[in-house]
Amino acid sequence: MRYSLTLTEEKSLDFSVREDLNISKEQYEGLWVEIDNTSEKLVCGVLYKHPSSDLEEFANYIYSCLDKLQQHNKTSIILGDFNINLLNC
């Protein structure tokens, strides 16, 4: 089964897709954009993790993205469907 992520475009926003952060695998996906018309640039990520995928691999992907953003001092928002049962963590 294949899923896809969508981020709705607002015509009044200037943004660029962050290809260096995007990923599309069968187990998880990430779509990132950088919004340019705020007082500071804002990076928004929409993530999806398949319920049966490996949590550690998904977490490593998120940590990798956050490391890149932190190096450039970017404010970020992460949204999505993580499919993590916190009772099992």
C-alpha atoms as a PDB file:
ATOM      1  CA  MET A   1       0.000   0.000   0.000  1.00  0.00           C
ATOM      2  CA  ARG A   2       1.366   3.438  -0.934  1.00  0.00           C
ATOM      3  CA  TYR A   3       0.519   6.678   0.827  1.00  0.00           C
ATOM      4  CA  SER A   4       1.279  10.246  -0.106  1.00  0.00           C
ATOM      5  CA  LEU A   5       1.663  13.487   1.807  1.00  0.00           C
ATOM      6  CA  THR A   6       0.082  16.764   0.832  1.00  0.00           C
ATOM      7  CA  LEU A   7       0.769  20.259   2.032  1.00  0.00           C
ATOM      8  CA  THR A   8      -1.813  22.744   0.761  1.00  0.00           C
ATOM      9  CA  GLU A   9      -0.307  25.763  -0.971  1.00  0.00           C
ATOM     10  CA  GLU A  10      -1.402  29.204   0.183  1.00  0.00           C
ATOM     11  CA  LYS A  11      -0.981  31.651  -2.710  1.00  0.00           C
ATOM     12  CA  SER A  12      -0.062  34.539  -0.415  1.00  0.00           C
ATOM     13  CA  LEU A  13       2.923  32.652   1.051  1.00  0.00           C
ATOM     14  CA  ASP A  14       6.361  32.599  -0.501  1.00  0.00           C
ATOM     15  CA  PHE A  15       7.877  29.194   0.140  1.00  0.00           C
ATOM     16  CA  SER A  16      10.395  26.764  -1.216  1.00  0.00           C
ATOM     17  CA  VAL A  17      10.496  22.992  -0.951  1.00  0.00           C
ATOM     18  CA  ARG A  18      13.361  21.682   1.214  1.00  0.00           C
ATOM     19  CA  GLU A  19      14.538  18.832  -1.011  1.00  0.00           C
ATOM     20  CA  ASP A  20      17.469  18.212   1.344  1.00  0.00           C
ATOM     21  CA  LEU A  21      15.004  17.126   4.053  1.00  0.00           C
ATOM     22  CA  ASN A  22      12.299  15.411   1.985  1.00  0.00           C
ATOM     23  CA  ILE A  23      12.057  11.641   1.907  1.00  0.00           C
ATOM     24  CA  SER A  24       9.637   9.109   0.465  1.00  0.00           C
ATOM     25  CA  LYS A  25      10.049   5.505   1.560  1.00  0.00           C
ATOM     26  CA  GLU A  26       7.503   2.753   1.931  1.00  0.00           C
ATOM     27  CA  GLN A  27       7.889   2.890   5.748  1.00  0.00           C
ATOM     28  CA  TYR A  28       7.678   6.685   6.168  1.00  0.00           C
ATOM     29  CA  GLU A  29       7.535   9.992   4.302  1.00  0.00           C
ATOM     30  CA  GLY A  30       8.521  13.562   5.004  1.00  0.00           C
ATOM     31  CA  LEU A  31       7.630  16.741   3.106  1.00  0.00           C
ATOM     32  CA  TRP A  32       9.344  19.969   4.205  1.00  0.00           C
ATOM     33  CA  VAL A  33       8.892  23.580   3.046  1.00  0.00           C
ATOM     34  CA  GLU A  34      10.548  26.821   4.089  1.00  0.00           C
ATOM     35  CA  ILE A  35       8.180  29.778   4.347  1.00  0.00           C
ATOM     36  CA  ASP A  36       9.905  33.047   3.450  1.00  0.00           C
ATOM     37  CA  ASN A  37       7.435  35.846   4.177  1.00  0.00           C
ATOM     38  CA  THR A  38       7.603  35.857   7.960  1.00  0.00           C
ATOM     39  CA  SER A  39       9.935  38.008  10.051  1.00  0.00           C
ATOM     40  CA  GLU A  40      12.088  34.896  10.376  1.00  0.00           C
ATOM     41  CA  LYS A  41      12.102  31.974   7.993  1.00  0.00           C
ATOM     42  CA  LEU A  42       9.915  29.131   9.188  1.00  0.00           C
ATOM     43  CA  VAL A  43      10.368  25.489   8.182  1.00  0.00           C
ATOM     44  CA  CYS A  44       7.292  23.266   8.231  1.00  0.00           C
ATOM     45  CA  GLY A  45       7.511  19.477   7.993  1.00  0.00           C
ATOM     46  CA  VAL A  46       4.636  17.067   7.405  1.00  0.00           C
ATOM     47  CA  LEU A  47       5.544  13.472   8.310  1.00  0.00           C
ATOM     48  CA  TYR A  48       3.868  10.077   8.028  1.00  0.00           C
ATOM     49  CA  LYS A  49       5.054   6.826   9.629  1.00  0.00           C
ATOM     50  CA  HIS A  50       3.403   3.543   8.663  1.00  0.00           C
ATOM     51  CA  PRO A  51       2.132   1.766  11.823  1.00  0.00           C
ATOM     52  CA  SER A  52       4.330  -1.298  11.298  1.00  0.00           C
ATOM     53  CA  SER A  53       7.523   0.550  10.355  1.00  0.00           C
ATOM     54  CA  ASP A  54      10.629   0.686  12.516  1.00  0.00           C
ATOM     55  CA  LEU A  55      10.377   3.456  15.129  1.00  0.00           C
ATOM     56  CA  GLU A  56      14.158   3.802  15.545  1.00  0.00           C
ATOM     57  CA  GLU A  57      14.713   4.356  11.814  1.00  0.00           C
ATOM     58  CA  PHE A  58      11.922   6.958  11.734  1.00  0.00           C
ATOM     59  CA  ALA A  59      13.321   8.713  14.831  1.00  0.00           C
ATOM     60  CA  ASN A  60      16.804   8.801  13.272  1.00  0.00           C
ATOM     61  CA  TYR A  61      15.347  10.486  10.181  1.00  0.00           C
ATOM     62  CA  ILE A  62      13.656  13.143  12.358  1.00  0.00           C
ATOM     63  CA  TYR A  63      16.846  13.713  14.384  1.00  0.00           C
ATOM     64  CA  SER A  64      18.814  14.115  11.143  1.00  0.00           C
ATOM     65  CA  CYS A  65      16.361  16.762   9.894  1.00  0.00           C
ATOM     66  CA  LEU A  66      16.394  18.617  13.209  1.00  0.00           C
ATOM     67  CA  ASP A  67      20.199  18.618  13.246  1.00  0.00           C
ATOM     68  CA  LYS A  68      20.271  20.275   9.800  1.00  0.00           C
ATOM     69  CA  LEU A  69      17.709  22.863  10.868  1.00  0.00           C
ATOM     70  CA  GLN A  70      19.517  23.608  14.118  1.00  0.00           C
ATOM     71  CA  GLN A  71      22.811  24.213  12.281  1.00  0.00           C
ATOM     72  CA  HIS A  72      21.093  27.069  10.428  1.00  0.00           C
ATOM     73  CA  ASN A  73      19.096  28.236  13.473  1.00  0.00           C
ATOM     74  CA  LYS A  74      15.741  27.630  11.745  1.00  0.00           C
ATOM     75  CA  THR A  75      12.433  27.778  13.582  1.00  0.00           C
ATOM     76  CA  SER A  76      10.468  24.663  12.666  1.00  0.00           C
ATOM     77  CA  ILE A  77       7.044  23.098  13.029  1.00  0.00           C
ATOM     78  CA  ILE A  78       6.557  19.352  12.661  1.00  0.00           C
ATOM     79  CA  LEU A  79       3.097  17.941  11.931  1.00  0.00           C
ATOM     80  CA  GLY A  80       1.898  14.536  10.897  1.00  0.00           C
ATOM     81  CA  ASP A  81       0.675  11.053  11.619  1.00  0.00           C
ATOM     82  CA  PHE A  82       3.414   9.306  13.583  1.00  0.00           C
ATOM     83  CA  ASN A  83       1.493   6.090  14.418  1.00  0.00           C
ATOM     84  CA  ILE A  84       3.395   5.601  17.670  1.00  0.00           C
ATOM     85  CA  ASN A  85       1.702   3.750  20.508  1.00  0.00           C
ATOM     86  CA  LEU A  86       3.142   5.539  23.531  1.00  0.00           C
ATOM     87  CA  LEU A  87       1.920   2.731  25.795  1.00  0.00           C
ATOM     88  CA  ASN A  88       4.506   0.464  24.143  1.00  0.00           C
ATOM     89  CA  CYS A  89       7.441   2.881  24.399  1.00  0.00           C
END
